[in-house]
Amino acid sequence: MITFLVEPGPPLFEISSGIALIYNSAGRYKDGLKYKVGVAIFDKKSPDRVIARTENPIMVPEYEWELYGHVNNVVFVEGMVEHENKLLLYYGGADRYIGLAYWTTDL
């Protein structure tokens, strides 16, 4: 896999272990171009230092409306709302649709 795009998604948010950033990335795989979502955690005292990062993406294109559209194989998180101990993630699917995913965690 060759990654050629990484960009921030919704605004940063604070968690007990640091500052969390949900980010979008695109890479070229054997079966083509794919856009995925990951999370990086930055140190609160030295916010230029990454202390953790998801080894695997938290979101990958898997539903038909994420796999096929204007640009195939796309999930791209752009908005986030915290509601009732859930992070609601608003994202684009295949550059054609808007989806809502949620992440339940102890923030």
PDB file of N, CA and C in Angstrom:
ATOM      1  N   MET A   1       0.832  -1.175   0.000  1.00  0.00           N
ATOM      2  CA  MET A   1       0.000   0.000   0.000  1.00  0.00           C
ATOM      3  C   MET A   1       0.876   1.238   0.000  1.00  0.00           C
ATOM      4  N   ILE A   2       0.513   2.203  -0.815  1.00  0.00           N
ATOM      5  CA  ILE A   2       1.209   3.478  -0.868  1.00  0.00           C
ATOM      6  C   ILE A   2       0.221   4.570  -0.475  1.00  0.00           C
ATOM      7  N   THR A   3       0.469   5.250   0.660  1.00  0.00           N
ATOM      8  CA  THR A   3      -0.392   6.340   1.108  1.00  0.00           C
ATOM      9  C   THR A   3       0.056   7.621   0.428  1.00  0.00           C
ATOM     10  N   PHE A   4      -0.897   8.350  -0.136  1.00  0.00           N
ATOM     11  CA  PHE A   4      -0.528   9.603  -0.784  1.00  0.00           C
ATOM     12  C   PHE A   4      -1.358  10.775  -0.303  1.00  0.00           C
ATOM     13  N   LEU A   5      -2.289  10.563   0.620  1.00  0.00           N
ATOM     14  CA  LEU A   5      -3.069  11.664   1.151  1.00  0.00           C
ATOM     15  C   LEU A   5      -3.392  11.381   2.606  1.00  0.00           C
ATOM     16  N   VAL A   6      -3.136  12.351   3.458  1.00  0.00           N
ATOM     17  CA  VAL A   6      -3.557  12.297   4.855  1.00  0.00           C
ATOM     18  C   VAL A   6      -4.028  13.695   5.197  1.00  0.00           C
ATOM     19  N   GLU A   7      -5.262  13.804   5.750  1.00  0.00           N
ATOM     20  CA  GLU A   7      -5.768  15.121   6.142  1.00  0.00           C
ATOM     21  C   GLU A   7      -6.673  14.985   7.342  1.00  0.00           C
ATOM     22  N   PRO A   8      -6.753  16.063   8.144  1.00  0.00           N
ATOM     23  CA  PRO A   8      -7.589  16.005   9.340  1.00  0.00           C
ATOM     24  C   PRO A   8      -9.059  15.929   8.967  1.00  0.00           C
ATOM     25  N   GLY A   9      -9.801  15.277   9.831  1.00  0.00           N
ATOM     26  CA  GLY A   9     -11.249  15.220   9.680  1.00  0.00           C
ATOM     27  C   GLY A   9     -11.883  16.287  10.554  1.00  0.00           C
ATOM     28  N   PRO A  10     -12.791  15.899  11.458  1.00  0.00           N
ATOM     29  CA  PRO A  10     -13.450  16.876  12.330  1.00  0.00           C
ATOM     30  C   PRO A  10     -12.475  17.461  13.348  1.00  0.00           C
ATOM     31  N   PRO A  11     -12.905  18.470  14.102  1.00  0.00           N
ATOM     32  CA  PRO A  11     -12.016  19.085  15.099  1.00  0.00           C
ATOM     33  C   PRO A  11     -11.465  18.082  16.115  1.00  0.00           C
ATOM     34  N   LEU A  12     -10.293  18.402  16.628  1.00  0.00           N
ATOM     35  CA  LEU A  12      -9.669  17.613  17.687  1.00  0.00           C
ATOM     36  C   LEU A  12     -10.579  17.576  18.907  1.00  0.00           C
ATOM     37  N   PHE A  13     -10.406  16.548  19.751  1.00  0.00           N
ATOM     38  CA  PHE A  13     -11.139  16.511  21.015  1.00  0.00           C
ATOM     39  C   PHE A  13     -10.251  15.885  22.079  1.00  0.00           C
ATOM     40  N   GLU A  14     -10.497  16.280  23.309  1.00  0.00           N
ATOM     41  CA  GLU A  14      -9.653  15.815  24.410  1.00  0.00           C
ATOM     42  C   GLU A  14     -10.221  14.526  25.004  1.00  0.00           C
ATOM     43  N   ILE A  15      -9.333  13.584  25.276  1.00  0.00           N
ATOM     44  CA  ILE A  15      -9.682  12.353  25.985  1.00  0.00           C
ATOM     45  C   ILE A  15      -8.717  12.218  27.152  1.00  0.00           C
ATOM     46  N   SER A  16      -8.937  11.252  28.018  1.00  0.00           N
ATOM     47  CA  SER A  16      -8.109  11.130  29.219  1.00  0.00           C
ATOM     48  C   SER A  16      -6.627  10.949  28.910  1.00  0.00           C
ATOM     49  N   SER A  17      -6.305  10.265  27.816  1.00  0.00           N
ATOM     50  CA  SER A  17      -4.896   9.984  27.515  1.00  0.00           C
ATOM     51  C   SER A  17      -4.245  11.013  26.591  1.00  0.00           C
ATOM     52  N   GLY A  18      -4.998  12.001  26.110  1.00  0.00           N
ATOM     53  CA  GLY A  18      -4.379  12.994  25.221  1.00  0.00           C
ATOM     54  C   GLY A  18      -5.396  13.749  24.396  1.00  0.00           C
ATOM     55  N   ILE A  19      -4.961  14.178  23.238  1.00  0.00           N
ATOM     56  CA  ILE A  19      -5.794  14.910  22.298  1.00  0.00           C
ATOM     57  C   ILE A  19      -5.997  14.017  21.085  1.00  0.00           C
ATOM     58  N   ALA A  20      -7.249  13.738  20.760  1.00  0.00           N
ATOM     59  CA  ALA A  20      -7.565  12.801  19.675  1.00  0.00           C
ATOM     60  C   ALA A  20      -7.858  13.542  18.380  1.00  0.00           C
ATOM     61  N   LEU A  21      -7.360  12.991  17.292  1.00  0.00           N
ATOM     62  CA  LEU A  21      -7.612  13.512  15.954  1.00  0.00           C
ATOM     63  C   LEU A  21      -8.088  12.367  15.078  1.00  0.00           C
ATOM     64  N   ILE A  22      -9.273  12.524  14.513  1.00  0.00           N
ATOM     65  CA  ILE A  22      -9.755  11.586  13.507  1.00  0.00           C
ATOM     66  C   ILE A  22      -9.269  12.120  12.170  1.00  0.00           C
ATOM     67  N   TYR A  23      -8.607  11.275  11.396  1.00  0.00           N
ATOM     68  CA  TYR A  23      -8.053  11.740  10.122  1.00  0.00           C
ATOM     69  C   TYR A  23      -8.449  10.807   8.984  1.00  0.00           C
ATOM     70  N   ASN A  24      -8.421  11.356   7.793  1.00  0.00           N
ATOM     71  CA  ASN A  24      -8.746  10.619   6.573  1.00  0.00           C
ATOM     72  C   ASN A  24      -7.455  10.373   5.803  1.00  0.00           C
ATOM     73  N   SER A  25      -7.383   9.241   5.132  1.00  0.00           N
ATOM     74  CA  SER A  25      -6.209   8.964   4.308  1.00  0.00           C
ATOM     75  C   SER A  25      -6.632   8.216   3.052  1.00  0.00           C
ATOM     76  N   ALA A  26      -5.813   8.318   2.042  1.00  0.00           N
ATOM     77  CA  ALA A  26      -6.054   7.595   0.796  1.00  0.00           C
ATOM     78  C   ALA A  26      -4.776   6.863   0.426  1.00  0.00           C
ATOM     79  N   GLY A  27      -4.946   5.664  -0.080  1.00  0.00           N
ATOM     80  CA  GLY A  27      -3.794   4.871  -0.481  1.00  0.00           C
ATOM     81  C   GLY A  27      -4.120   4.001  -1.666  1.00  0.00           C
ATOM     82  N   ARG A  28      -3.072   3.620  -2.352  1.00  0.00           N
ATOM     83  CA  ARG A  28      -3.208   2.740  -3.505  1.00  0.00           C
ATOM     84  C   ARG A  28      -2.904   1.312  -3.051  1.00  0.00           C
ATOM     85  N   TYR A  29      -3.856   0.429  -3.268  1.00  0.00           N
ATOM     86  CA  TYR A  29      -3.735  -0.971  -2.889  1.00  0.00           C
ATOM     87  C   TYR A  29      -3.721  -1.818  -4.158  1.00  0.00           C
ATOM     88  N   LYS A  30      -3.500  -3.118  -4.002  1.00  0.00           N
ATOM     89  CA  LYS A  30      -3.497  -4.027  -5.163  1.00  0.00           C
ATOM     90  C   LYS A  30      -4.784  -3.906  -5.970  1.00  0.00           C
ATOM     91  N   ASP A  31      -5.910  -3.743  -5.243  1.00  0.00           N
ATOM     92  CA  ASP A  31      -7.206  -3.680  -5.922  1.00  0.00           C
ATOM     93  C   ASP A  31      -7.699  -2.251  -6.162  1.00  0.00           C
ATOM     94  N   GLY A  32      -6.811  -1.256  -6.069  1.00  0.00           N
ATOM     95  CA  GLY A  32      -7.169   0.119  -6.419  1.00  0.00           C
ATOM     96  C   GLY A  32      -7.072   1.105  -5.269  1.00  0.00           C
ATOM     97  N   LEU A  33      -7.549   2.292  -5.527  1.00  0.00           N
ATOM     98  CA  LEU A  33      -7.511   3.411  -4.593  1.00  0.00           C
ATOM     99  C   LEU A  33      -8.587   3.243  -3.525  1.00  0.00           C
ATOM    100  N   LYS A  34      -8.230   3.490  -2.244  1.00  0.00           N
ATOM    101  CA  LYS A  34      -9.189   3.412  -1.146  1.00  0.00           C
ATOM    102  C   LYS A  34      -8.955   4.556  -0.182  1.00  0.00           C
ATOM    103  N   TYR A  35     -10.062   5.132   0.303  1.00  0.00           N
ATOM    104  CA  TYR A  35     -10.032   6.168   1.331  1.00  0.00           C
ATOM    105  C   TYR A  35     -10.517   5.543   2.630  1.00  0.00           C
ATOM    106  N   LYS A  36      -9.753   5.740   3.710  1.00  0.00           N
ATOM    107  CA  LYS A  36     -10.053   5.132   5.002  1.00  0.00           C
ATOM    108  C   LYS A  36      -9.919   6.180   6.098  1.00  0.00           C
ATOM    109  N   VAL A  37     -10.304   5.801   7.325  1.00  0.00           N
ATOM    110  CA  VAL A  37     -10.302   6.721   8.466  1.00  0.00           C
ATOM    111  C   VAL A  37      -9.494   6.111   9.600  1.00  0.00           C
ATOM    112  N   GLY A  38      -8.655   6.920  10.233  1.00  0.00           N
ATOM    113  CA  GLY A  38      -7.863   6.482  11.377  1.00  0.00           C
ATOM    114  C   GLY A  38      -7.941   7.489  12.511  1.00  0.00           C
ATOM    115  N   VAL A  39      -7.278   7.179  13.619  1.00  0.00           N
ATOM    116  CA  VAL A  39      -7.236   8.061  14.789  1.00  0.00           C
ATOM    117  C   VAL A  39      -5.798   8.155  15.274  1.00  0.00           C
ATOM    118  N   ALA A  40      -5.393   9.380  15.601  1.00  0.00           N
ATOM    119  CA  ALA A  40      -4.082   9.615  16.219  1.00  0.00           C
ATOM    120  C   ALA A  40      -4.308  10.337  17.542  1.00  0.00           C
ATOM    121  N   ILE A  41      -3.486  10.004  18.538  1.00  0.00           N
ATOM    122  CA  ILE A  41      -3.567  10.646  19.853  1.00  0.00           C
ATOM    123  C   ILE A  41      -2.276  11.432  20.060  1.00  0.00           C
ATOM    124  N   PHE A  42      -2.429  12.704  20.418  1.00  0.00           N
ATOM    125  CA  PHE A  42      -1.292  13.590  20.658  1.00  0.00           C
ATOM    126  C   PHE A  42      -1.157  13.857  22.145  1.00  0.00           C
ATOM    127  N   ASP A  43       0.073  14.103  22.588  1.00  0.00           N
ATOM    128  CA  ASP A  43       0.379  14.400  23.975  1.00  0.00           C
ATOM    129  C   ASP A  43      -0.229  15.754  24.355  1.00  0.00           C
ATOM    130  N   LYS A  44      -0.879  15.832  25.525  1.00  0.00           N
ATOM    131  CA  LYS A  44      -1.505  17.091  25.963  1.00  0.00           C
ATOM    132  C   LYS A  44      -0.463  18.166  26.255  1.00  0.00           C
ATOM    133  N   LYS A  45       0.666  17.780  26.836  1.00  0.00           N
ATOM    134  CA  LYS A  45       1.692  18.754  27.205  1.00  0.00           C
ATOM    135  C   LYS A  45       2.589  19.128  26.037  1.00  0.00           C
ATOM    136  N   SER A  46       2.770  18.228  25.106  1.00  0.00           N
ATOM    137  CA  SER A  46       3.567  18.480  23.901  1.00  0.00           C
ATOM    138  C   SER A  46       2.721  18.068  22.701  1.00  0.00           C
ATOM    139  N   PRO A  47       1.778  18.915  22.284  1.00  0.00           N
ATOM    140  CA  PRO A  47       0.815  18.517  21.257  1.00  0.00           C
ATOM    141  C   PRO A  47       1.412  18.252  19.874  1.00  0.00           C
ATOM    142  N   ASP A  48       2.706  18.485  19.717  1.00  0.00           N
ATOM    143  CA  ASP A  48       3.356  18.146  18.446  1.00  0.00           C
ATOM    144  C   ASP A  48       3.844  16.694  18.442  1.00  0.00           C
ATOM    145  N   ARG A  49       3.631  15.982  19.548  1.00  0.00           N
ATOM    146  CA  ARG A  49       4.114  14.608  19.690  1.00  0.00           C
ATOM    147  C   ARG A  49       2.966  13.603  19.626  1.00  0.00           C
ATOM    148  N   VAL A  50       3.020  12.705  18.651  1.00  0.00           N
ATOM    149  CA  VAL A  50       2.034  11.627  18.535  1.00  0.00           C
ATOM    150  C   VAL A  50       2.401  10.540  19.533  1.00  0.00           C
ATOM    151  N   ILE A  51       1.447  10.163  20.389  1.00  0.00           N
ATOM    152  CA  ILE A  51       1.726   9.115  21.378  1.00  0.00           C
ATOM    153  C   ILE A  51       1.064   7.788  21.019  1.00  0.00           C
ATOM    154  N   ALA A  52       0.080   7.827  20.137  1.00  0.00           N
ATOM    155  CA  ALA A  52      -0.575   6.586  19.705  1.00  0.00           C
ATOM    156  C   ALA A  52      -1.290   6.831  18.379  1.00  0.00           C
ATOM    157  N   ARG A  53      -1.464   5.757  17.649  1.00  0.00           N
ATOM    158  CA  ARG A  53      -2.165   5.834  16.371  1.00  0.00           C
ATOM    159  C   ARG A  53      -2.790   4.473  16.096  1.00  0.00           C
ATOM    160  N   THR A  54      -3.975   4.471  15.538  1.00  0.00           N
ATOM    161  CA  THR A  54      -4.608   3.191  15.228  1.00  0.00           C
ATOM    162  C   THR A  54      -3.758   2.444  14.209  1.00  0.00           C
ATOM    163  N   GLU A  55      -3.516   1.185  14.496  1.00  0.00           N
ATOM    164  CA  GLU A  55      -2.746   0.356  13.570  1.00  0.00           C
ATOM    165  C   GLU A  55      -3.587   0.021  12.338  1.00  0.00           C
ATOM    166  N   ASN A  56      -4.873  -0.177  12.564  1.00  0.00           N
ATOM    167  CA  ASN A  56      -5.818  -0.448  11.482  1.00  0.00           C
ATOM    168  C   ASN A  56      -6.845   0.684  11.442  1.00  0.00           C
ATOM    169  N   PRO A  57      -7.402   0.956  10.295  1.00  0.00           N
ATOM    170  CA  PRO A  57      -8.406   2.018  10.190  1.00  0.00           C
ATOM    171  C   PRO A  57      -9.632   1.727  11.060  1.00  0.00           C
ATOM    172  N   ILE A  58     -10.288   2.802  11.517  1.00  0.00           N
ATOM    173  CA  ILE A  58     -11.533   2.624  12.269  1.00  0.00           C
ATOM    174  C   ILE A  58     -12.726   2.539  11.319  1.00  0.00           C
ATOM    175  N   MET A  59     -12.543   3.008  10.094  1.00  0.00           N
ATOM    176  CA  MET A  59     -13.581   2.899   9.073  1.00  0.00           C
ATOM    177  C   MET A  59     -12.930   2.611   7.733  1.00  0.00           C
ATOM    178  N   VAL A  60     -13.540   1.708   6.983  1.00  0.00           N
ATOM    179  CA  VAL A  60     -13.117   1.387   5.623  1.00  0.00           C
ATOM    180  C   VAL A  60     -14.378   1.278   4.771  1.00  0.00           C
ATOM    181  N   PRO A  61     -14.276   1.514   3.482  1.00  0.00           N
ATOM    182  CA  PRO A  61     -15.451   1.338   2.632  1.00  0.00           C
ATOM    183  C   PRO A  61     -15.896  -0.128   2.647  1.00  0.00           C
ATOM    184  N   GLU A  62     -17.168  -0.361   2.974  1.00  0.00           N
ATOM    185  CA  GLU A  62     -17.658  -1.734   2.998  1.00  0.00           C
ATOM    186  C   GLU A  62     -19.065  -1.886   2.442  1.00  0.00           C
ATOM    187  N   TYR A  63     -19.893  -0.856   2.570  1.00  0.00           N
ATOM    188  CA  TYR A  63     -21.254  -0.927   2.036  1.00  0.00           C
ATOM    189  C   TYR A  63     -21.249  -0.514   0.567  1.00  0.00           C
ATOM    190  N   GLU A  64     -22.221  -0.988  -0.168  1.00  0.00           N
ATOM    191  CA  GLU A  64     -22.266  -0.714  -1.602  1.00  0.00           C
ATOM    192  C   GLU A  64     -22.218   0.780  -1.908  1.00  0.00           C
ATOM    193  N   TRP A  65     -22.913   1.594  -1.097  1.00  0.00           N
ATOM    194  CA  TRP A  65     -22.941   3.044  -1.347  1.00  0.00           C
ATOM    195  C   TRP A  65     -21.624   3.734  -0.965  1.00  0.00           C
ATOM    196  N   GLU A  66     -20.732   3.049  -0.276  1.00  0.00           N
ATOM    197  CA  GLU A  66     -19.382   3.548  -0.003  1.00  0.00           C
ATOM    198  C   GLU A  66     -18.399   3.048  -1.060  1.00  0.00           C
ATOM    199  N   LEU A  67     -18.726   1.914  -1.647  1.00  0.00           N
ATOM    200  CA  LEU A  67     -17.845   1.288  -2.626  1.00  0.00           C
ATOM    201  C   LEU A  67     -18.017   1.854  -4.038  1.00  0.00           C
ATOM    202  N   TYR A  68     -19.261   2.274  -4.380  1.00  0.00           N
ATOM    203  CA  TYR A  68     -19.535   2.712  -5.749  1.00  0.00           C
ATOM    204  C   TYR A  68     -20.267   4.042  -5.759  1.00  0.00           C
ATOM    205  N   GLY A  69     -19.707   5.009  -6.495  1.00  0.00           N
ATOM    206  CA  GLY A  69     -20.316   6.336  -6.600  1.00  0.00           C
ATOM    207  C   GLY A  69     -19.491   7.188  -7.532  1.00  0.00           C
ATOM    208  N   HIS A  70     -19.430   8.489  -7.232  1.00  0.00           N
ATOM    209  CA  HIS A  70     -18.620   9.396  -8.056  1.00  0.00           C
ATOM    210  C   HIS A  70     -17.137   9.027  -7.977  1.00  0.00           C
ATOM    211  N   VAL A  71     -16.673   8.711  -6.768  1.00  0.00           N
ATOM    212  CA  VAL A  71     -15.322   8.173  -6.555  1.00  0.00           C
ATOM    213  C   VAL A  71     -15.509   6.901  -5.731  1.00  0.00           C
ATOM    214  N   ASN A  72     -15.094   5.790  -6.244  1.00  0.00           N
ATOM    215  CA  ASN A  72     -15.304   4.502  -5.574  1.00  0.00           C
ATOM    216  C   ASN A  72     -14.391   4.334  -4.364  1.00  0.00           C
ATOM    217  N   ASN A  73     -14.825   3.490  -3.425  1.00  0.00           N
ATOM    218  CA  ASN A  73     -14.021   3.097  -2.252  1.00  0.00           C
ATOM    219  C   ASN A  73     -13.678   4.266  -1.340  1.00  0.00           C
ATOM    220  N   VAL A  74     -14.709   5.037  -0.942  1.00  0.00           N
ATOM    221  CA  VAL A  74     -14.456   6.225  -0.124  1.00  0.00           C
ATOM    222  C   VAL A  74     -15.301   6.228   1.143  1.00  0.00           C
ATOM    223  N   VAL A  75     -14.641   6.402   2.295  1.00  0.00           N
ATOM    224  CA  VAL A  75     -15.257   6.878   3.533  1.00  0.00           C
ATOM    225  C   VAL A  75     -14.359   8.019   4.003  1.00  0.00           C
ATOM    226  N   PHE A  76     -14.973   9.164   4.307  1.00  0.00           N
ATOM    227  CA  PHE A  76     -14.214  10.373   4.585  1.00  0.00           C
ATOM    228  C   PHE A  76     -14.965  11.161   5.653  1.00  0.00           C
ATOM    229  N   VAL A  77     -14.523  11.093   6.925  1.00  0.00           N
ATOM    230  CA  VAL A  77     -15.215  11.748   8.034  1.00  0.00           C
ATOM    231  C   VAL A  77     -14.933  13.248   8.004  1.00  0.00           C
ATOM    232  N   GLU A  78     -15.996  14.041   8.087  1.00  0.00           N
ATOM    233  CA  GLU A  78     -15.863  15.499   8.057  1.00  0.00           C
ATOM    234  C   GLU A  78     -16.525  16.188   9.240  1.00  0.00           C
ATOM    235  N   GLY A  79     -17.521  15.567   9.860  1.00  0.00           N
ATOM    236  CA  GLY A  79     -18.229  16.201  10.968  1.00  0.00           C
ATOM    237  C   GLY A  79     -18.375  15.257  12.137  1.00  0.00           C
ATOM    238  N   MET A  80     -18.503  15.855  13.343  1.00  0.00           N
ATOM    239  CA  MET A  80     -18.609  15.028  14.536  1.00  0.00           C
ATOM    240  C   MET A  80     -19.415  15.777  15.582  1.00  0.00           C
ATOM    241  N   VAL A  81     -20.285  15.049  16.286  1.00  0.00           N
ATOM    242  CA  VAL A  81     -21.059  15.599  17.393  1.00  0.00           C
ATOM    243  C   VAL A  81     -20.991  14.593  18.529  1.00  0.00           C
ATOM    244  N   GLU A  82     -20.771  15.080  19.740  1.00  0.00           N
ATOM    245  CA  GLU A  82     -20.826  14.206  20.907  1.00  0.00           C
ATOM    246  C   GLU A  82     -22.252  14.253  21.438  1.00  0.00           C
ATOM    247  N   HIS A  83     -22.865  13.077  21.615  1.00  0.00           N
ATOM    248  CA  HIS A  83     -24.252  13.008  22.075  1.00  0.00           C
ATOM    249  C   HIS A  83     -24.460  11.718  22.853  1.00  0.00           C
ATOM    250  N   GLU A  84     -24.887  11.860  24.123  1.00  0.00           N
ATOM    251  CA  GLU A  84     -25.193  10.713  24.974  1.00  0.00           C
ATOM    252  C   GLU A  84     -24.081   9.663  24.976  1.00  0.00           C
ATOM    253  N   ASN A  85     -22.864  10.091  25.277  1.00  0.00           N
ATOM    254  CA  ASN A  85     -21.681   9.216  25.353  1.00  0.00           C
ATOM    255  C   ASN A  85     -21.339   8.521  24.047  1.00  0.00           C
ATOM    256  N   LYS A  86     -21.742   9.114  22.937  1.00  0.00           N
ATOM    257  CA  LYS A  86     -21.378   8.604  21.623  1.00  0.00           C
ATOM    258  C   LYS A  86     -20.788   9.746  20.813  1.00  0.00           C
ATOM    259  N   LEU A  87     -19.845   9.402  19.972  1.00  0.00           N
ATOM    260  CA  LEU A  87     -19.378  10.350  18.966  1.00  0.00           C
ATOM    261  C   LEU A  87     -20.112   9.998  17.681  1.00  0.00           C
ATOM    262  N   LEU A  88     -20.912  10.923  17.187  1.00  0.00           N
ATOM    263  CA  LEU A  88     -21.614  10.731  15.923  1.00  0.00           C
ATOM    264  C   LEU A  88     -20.714  11.268  14.828  1.00  0.00           C
ATOM    265  N   LEU A  89     -20.337  10.411  13.901  1.00  0.00           N
ATOM    266  CA  LEU A  89     -19.406  10.770  12.832  1.00  0.00           C
ATOM    267  C   LEU A  89     -20.164  10.875  11.514  1.00  0.00           C
ATOM    268  N   TYR A  90     -20.173  12.077  10.946  1.00  0.00           N
ATOM    269  CA  TYR A  90     -20.815  12.305   9.657  1.00  0.00           C
ATOM    270  C   TYR A  90     -19.743  12.181   8.582  1.00  0.00           C
ATOM    271  N   TYR A  91     -20.015  11.372   7.576  1.00  0.00           N
ATOM    272  CA  TYR A  91     -18.971  11.084   6.602  1.00  0.00           C
ATOM    273  C   TYR A  91     -19.536  10.941   5.194  1.00  0.00           C
ATOM    274  N   GLY A  92     -18.644  11.138   4.236  1.00  0.00           N
ATOM    275  CA  GLY A  92     -18.995  10.946   2.844  1.00  0.00           C
ATOM    276  C   GLY A  92     -18.726   9.516   2.431  1.00  0.00           C
ATOM    277  N   GLY A  93     -19.620   8.985   1.594  1.00  0.00           N
ATOM    278  CA  GLY A  93     -19.459   7.647   1.041  1.00  0.00           C
ATOM    279  C   GLY A  93     -19.415   7.736  -0.474  1.00  0.00           C
ATOM    280  N   ALA A  94     -18.289   7.319  -1.058  1.00  0.00           N
ATOM    281  CA  ALA A  94     -18.091   7.291  -2.512  1.00  0.00           C
ATOM    282  C   ALA A  94     -18.328   8.660  -3.151  1.00  0.00           C
ATOM    283  N   ASP A  95     -18.069   9.732  -2.400  1.00  0.00           N
ATOM    284  CA  ASP A  95     -18.249  11.106  -2.893  1.00  0.00           C
ATOM    285  C   ASP A  95     -19.628  11.335  -3.497  1.00  0.00           C
ATOM    286  N   ARG A  96     -20.613  10.604  -2.962  1.00  0.00           N
ATOM    287  CA  ARG A  96     -21.970  10.754  -3.475  1.00  0.00           C
ATOM    288  C   ARG A  96     -23.007  10.813  -2.355  1.00  0.00           C
ATOM    289  N   TYR A  97     -22.731  10.177  -1.242  1.00  0.00           N
ATOM    290  CA  TYR A  97     -23.695  10.058  -0.165  1.00  0.00           C
ATOM    291  C   TYR A  97     -23.112  10.584   1.143  1.00  0.00           C
ATOM    292  N   ILE A  98     -24.002  10.848   2.107  1.00  0.00           N
ATOM    293  CA  ILE A  98     -23.595  11.226   3.457  1.00  0.00           C
ATOM    294  C   ILE A  98     -24.074  10.136   4.393  1.00  0.00           C
ATOM    295  N   GLY A  99     -23.161   9.676   5.237  1.00  0.00           N
ATOM    296  CA  GLY A  99     -23.493   8.618   6.180  1.00  0.00           C
ATOM    297  C   GLY A  99     -23.296   9.085   7.610  1.00  0.00           C
ATOM    298  N   LEU A 100     -23.833   8.326   8.529  1.00  0.00           N
ATOM    299  CA  LEU A 100     -23.670   8.582   9.948  1.00  0.00           C
ATOM    300  C   LEU A 100     -23.213   7.292  10.608  1.00  0.00           C
ATOM    301  N   ALA A 101     -22.076   7.365  11.260  1.00  0.00           N
ATOM    302  CA  ALA A 101     -21.564   6.236  12.037  1.00  0.00           C
ATOM    303  C   ALA A 101     -21.419   6.730  13.469  1.00  0.00           C
ATOM    304  N   TYR A 102     -21.396   5.829  14.427  1.00  0.00           N
ATOM    305  CA  TYR A 102     -21.154   6.281  15.791  1.00  0.00           C
ATOM    306  C   TYR A 102     -20.098   5.429  16.455  1.00  0.00           C
ATOM    307  N   TRP A 103     -19.448   6.067  17.393  1.00  0.00           N
ATOM    308  CA  TRP A 103     -18.346   5.457  18.125  1.00  0.00           C
ATOM    309  C   TRP A 103     -18.675   5.592  19.588  1.00  0.00           C
ATOM    310  N   THR A 104     -18.865   4.481  20.275  1.00  0.00           N
ATOM    311  CA  THR A 104     -19.160   4.491  21.698  1.00  0.00           C
ATOM    312  C   THR A 104     -17.874   4.216  22.447  1.00  0.00           C
ATOM    313  N   THR A 105     -17.533   5.094  23.347  1.00  0.00           N
ATOM    314  CA  THR A 105     -16.285   4.937  24.072  1.00  0.00           C
ATOM    315  C   THR A 105     -16.354   5.736  25.355  1.00  0.00           C
ATOM    316  N   ASP A 106     -15.491   5.432  26.291  1.00  0.00           N
ATOM    317  CA  ASP A 106     -15.372   6.228  27.514  1.00  0.00           C
ATOM    318  C   ASP A 106     -14.434   7.375  27.221  1.00  0.00           C
ATOM    319  N   LEU A 107     -14.999   8.524  26.959  1.00  0.00           N
ATOM    320  CA  LEU A 107     -14.189   9.698  26.644  1.00  0.00           C
ATOM    321  C   LEU A 107     -13.743  10.341  27.919  1.00  0.00           C
TER     322      LEU A 107
END
